[in-house]
N, C-alpha and C. Protein backbone atom coordinates (compact mmCIF):
# COMPACT_ATOMS: atom_id res chain seq x y z
N MET A 1 16.11 26.82 30.40
CA MET A 1 15.52 27.56 31.41
C MET A 1 16.14 27.40 32.18
N SER A 2 15.90 29.10 32.21
CA SER A 2 16.60 30.27 33.58
C SER A 2 15.60 29.70 34.96
N PRO A 3 16.44 29.12 35.60
CA PRO A 3 15.82 29.30 37.52
C PRO A 3 15.75 31.25 37.41
N ASP A 4 15.66 31.95 37.05
CA ASP A 4 15.56 33.55 37.48
C ASP A 4 14.28 34.32 36.55
N LEU A 5 13.74 32.40 35.46
CA LEU A 5 12.91 33.09 34.97
C LEU A 5 11.30 32.41 35.39
N PRO A 6 10.33 33.34 35.33
CA PRO A 6 9.28 32.53 35.43
C PRO A 6 9.19 31.39 34.57
N ALA A 7 8.04 30.54 34.50
CA ALA A 7 8.51 28.74 33.76
C ALA A 7 7.07 29.68 32.87
N PRO A 8 6.92 29.33 31.20
CA PRO A 8 6.20 29.50 30.78
C PRO A 8 4.41 29.40 30.59
N PRO A 9 4.12 29.36 29.98
CA PRO A 9 2.90 29.31 30.77
C PRO A 9 2.00 28.20 29.90
N PRO A 10 1.48 27.03 30.46
CA PRO A 10 1.49 25.30 29.70
C PRO A 10 0.71 25.43 28.45
N SER A 11 0.43 25.14 27.78
CA SER A 11 -0.12 25.00 26.15
C SER A 11 -1.26 24.41 25.99
N PRO A 12 -2.20 25.28 25.44
CA PRO A 12 -3.78 25.38 25.72
C PRO A 12 -3.44 24.35 24.08
N ARG A 13 -4.52 22.84 25.50
CA ARG A 13 -4.94 22.01 24.53
C ARG A 13 -6.09 21.76 23.34
N PRO A 14 -5.94 21.16 22.16
CA PRO A 14 -6.42 21.68 21.41
C PRO A 14 -8.04 20.80 21.42
N VAL A 15 -8.32 21.22 20.50
CA VAL A 15 -10.09 20.17 20.22
C VAL A 15 -9.87 19.20 19.53
N ALA A 16 -10.30 18.33 19.73
CA ALA A 16 -10.35 16.86 18.15
C ALA A 16 -11.22 17.16 17.45
N ASP A 17 -11.61 17.48 16.35
CA ASP A 17 -12.98 17.65 15.60
C ASP A 17 -13.44 16.40 15.92
N THR A 18 -15.02 16.42 16.07
CA THR A 18 -16.05 15.37 16.56
C THR A 18 -16.49 14.03 15.52
N CYS A 19 -16.28 14.40 14.68
CA CYS A 19 -15.88 14.09 13.10
C CYS A 19 -14.61 13.72 12.18
N ALA A 20 -13.68 13.53 12.84
CA ALA A 20 -12.38 13.03 12.67
C ALA A 20 -11.89 11.68 13.17
N VAL A 21 -11.74 10.99 12.10
CA VAL A 21 -11.84 9.36 12.02
C VAL A 21 -9.45 9.50 13.27
N GLY A 22 -9.28 10.51 13.25
CA GLY A 22 -8.42 9.79 14.25
C GLY A 22 -7.79 11.10 14.47
N GLY A 23 -6.71 12.07 15.94
CA GLY A 23 -6.54 12.49 15.65
C GLY A 23 -6.47 13.07 17.24
N ARG A 24 -7.14 12.42 18.27
CA ARG A 24 -6.78 12.24 19.31
C ARG A 24 -6.31 11.22 20.00
N GLY A 25 -5.10 10.66 19.83
CA GLY A 25 -4.46 10.02 20.14
C GLY A 25 -3.78 10.55 21.58
N LEU A 26 -3.16 11.25 20.92
CA LEU A 26 -2.18 12.63 22.28
C LEU A 26 -2.99 13.42 23.22
N LEU A 27 -4.34 13.57 22.79
CA LEU A 27 -5.61 14.27 23.83
C LEU A 27 -5.41 13.23 25.13
N ILE A 28 -5.82 12.03 24.54
CA ILE A 28 -6.46 11.47 25.56
C ILE A 28 -5.04 10.83 26.25
N LEU A 29 -4.19 10.84 26.03
CA LEU A 29 -3.05 10.61 26.29
C LEU A 29 -1.90 11.82 27.39
N ASP A 30 -2.44 13.23 26.71
CA ASP A 30 -2.85 13.78 28.02
C ASP A 30 -3.23 13.22 29.34
N LEU A 31 -4.89 13.16 29.22
CA LEU A 31 -5.35 13.21 30.03
C LEU A 31 -5.57 12.29 31.06
N LEU A 32 -4.85 10.88 30.60
CA LEU A 32 -4.45 9.49 31.65
C LEU A 32 -3.25 9.59 31.76
N ALA A 33 -1.62 9.62 30.73
CA ALA A 33 0.16 9.83 31.80
C ALA A 33 -0.41 10.63 32.34
N ASP A 34 0.76 10.74 33.97
CA ASP A 34 1.32 11.47 34.58
C ASP A 34 2.03 12.28 34.54
N ARG A 35 3.24 11.70 32.73
CA ARG A 35 4.12 12.29 32.37
C ARG A 35 3.86 11.75 30.38
N TRP A 36 4.58 12.53 29.83
CA TRP A 36 4.74 12.05 28.47
C TRP A 36 5.19 13.26 27.33
N GLY A 37 6.17 12.01 26.48
CA GLY A 37 6.56 12.81 26.18
C GLY A 37 6.82 12.12 24.11
N GLY A 38 7.91 12.69 23.89
CA GLY A 38 7.79 12.06 22.37
C GLY A 38 9.25 13.09 21.20
N CYS A 39 9.22 12.08 20.37
CA CYS A 39 10.80 12.82 19.59
C CYS A 39 10.56 12.11 18.19
N GLY A 40 11.20 12.78 16.92
CA GLY A 40 10.93 11.83 16.28
C GLY A 40 12.08 10.92 15.88
N THR A 41 11.71 10.29 14.62
CA THR A 41 13.13 9.44 14.33
C THR A 41 13.27 9.51 13.61
N GLY A 42 15.11 10.05 13.41
CA GLY A 42 15.99 10.06 12.52
C GLY A 42 15.85 11.91 12.27
N GLU A 43 15.78 11.94 10.43
CA GLU A 43 16.05 13.54 9.71
C GLU A 43 15.00 13.76 9.28
N GLY A 44 13.96 15.16 9.43
CA GLY A 44 12.99 15.57 9.40
C GLY A 44 12.29 15.94 10.60
N PRO A 45 11.01 16.99 10.85
CA PRO A 45 10.47 17.08 11.59
C PRO A 45 9.82 15.80 12.08
N TYR A 46 9.40 14.88 11.25
CA TYR A 46 9.34 13.72 12.47
C TYR A 46 9.69 12.46 11.47
N GLY A 47 11.10 13.05 11.29
CA GLY A 47 12.02 12.02 11.04
C GLY A 47 11.40 10.44 10.02
N PRO A 48 12.34 10.14 9.10
CA PRO A 48 11.72 9.37 8.07
C PRO A 48 11.21 8.20 8.76
N ALA A 49 11.39 7.76 9.59
CA ALA A 49 10.10 6.67 10.34
C ALA A 49 8.88 7.06 11.47
N GLY A 50 9.13 8.10 11.13
CA GLY A 50 8.08 8.94 12.22
C GLY A 50 8.17 9.30 13.21
N LYS A 51 7.24 9.36 14.53
CA LYS A 51 7.70 9.53 16.06
C LYS A 51 7.83 8.51 16.97
N THR A 52 8.41 8.94 17.80
CA THR A 52 8.23 8.25 19.33
C THR A 52 7.46 8.63 20.44
N ILE A 53 6.69 8.05 20.68
CA ILE A 53 6.34 8.66 22.15
C ILE A 53 6.13 7.82 23.41
N TRP A 54 6.40 8.34 24.33
CA TRP A 54 6.35 7.76 25.68
C TRP A 54 5.76 8.27 26.64
N PHE A 55 4.93 7.21 27.71
CA PHE A 55 4.95 8.44 29.13
C PHE A 55 5.04 7.20 29.94
N GLU A 56 4.45 8.14 31.09
CA GLU A 56 4.20 7.18 32.65
C GLU A 56 3.00 6.87 32.84
N LEU A 57 2.71 6.24 33.45
CA LEU A 57 1.60 6.23 34.41
C LEU A 57 2.08 5.65 35.76
N ALA A 58 1.30 6.77 36.77
CA ALA A 58 1.77 6.64 38.19
C ALA A 58 0.88 4.72 38.53
N LEU A 59 1.52 4.20 39.91
CA LEU A 59 0.86 3.05 40.10
C LEU A 59 0.10 3.06 41.52
N PRO A 60 -0.57 2.59 41.90
CA PRO A 60 -1.07 2.36 43.54
C PRO A 60 0.36 2.66 44.23
N PRO A 61 0.33 2.19 45.43
CA PRO A 61 1.06 2.12 46.28
C PRO A 61 0.69 -0.11 46.46
N GLY A 62 1.14 -0.30 46.88
CA GLY A 62 0.54 -1.87 47.63
C GLY A 62 0.85 -2.78 45.96
N PRO A 63 0.69 -4.17 46.61
CA PRO A 63 0.72 -5.29 45.40
C PRO A 63 -0.78 -5.35 44.50
N PRO A 64 0.18 -5.89 43.39
CA PRO A 64 -1.09 -5.72 42.25
C PRO A 64 -2.25 -6.83 42.97
N PRO A 65 -3.63 -6.26 42.13
CA PRO A 65 -4.82 -6.40 42.69
C PRO A 65 -4.95 -8.33 41.96
N ALA A 66 -5.17 -8.76 42.11
CA ALA A 66 -5.71 -10.42 41.99
C ALA A 66 -6.01 -10.22 40.52
N LEU A 67 -5.40 -11.54 39.35
CA LEU A 67 -6.06 -11.75 38.04
C LEU A 67 -7.66 -13.43 38.58
N ALA A 68 -8.88 -12.60 38.23
CA ALA A 68 -9.51 -13.27 38.25
C ALA A 68 -9.90 -14.18 37.30
N ALA A 69 -9.64 -15.75 38.05
CA ALA A 69 -9.21 -17.16 37.25
C ALA A 69 -10.63 -17.44 35.89
């Protein structure tokens, strides 16, 4: 990507089929994570072992809340 070119438009979010039994994981991740991405592991589009997904969540400043006993 060149700094002289405008940024590409954001990708449209796919709509999950309400009757599907799967396929909502990345939609949920996109809604909750601050940043996320992924890559195939090995050869092929998703690799022989599938894919790896990473994500980042921003934590609020300050100490973590105390755990309830």
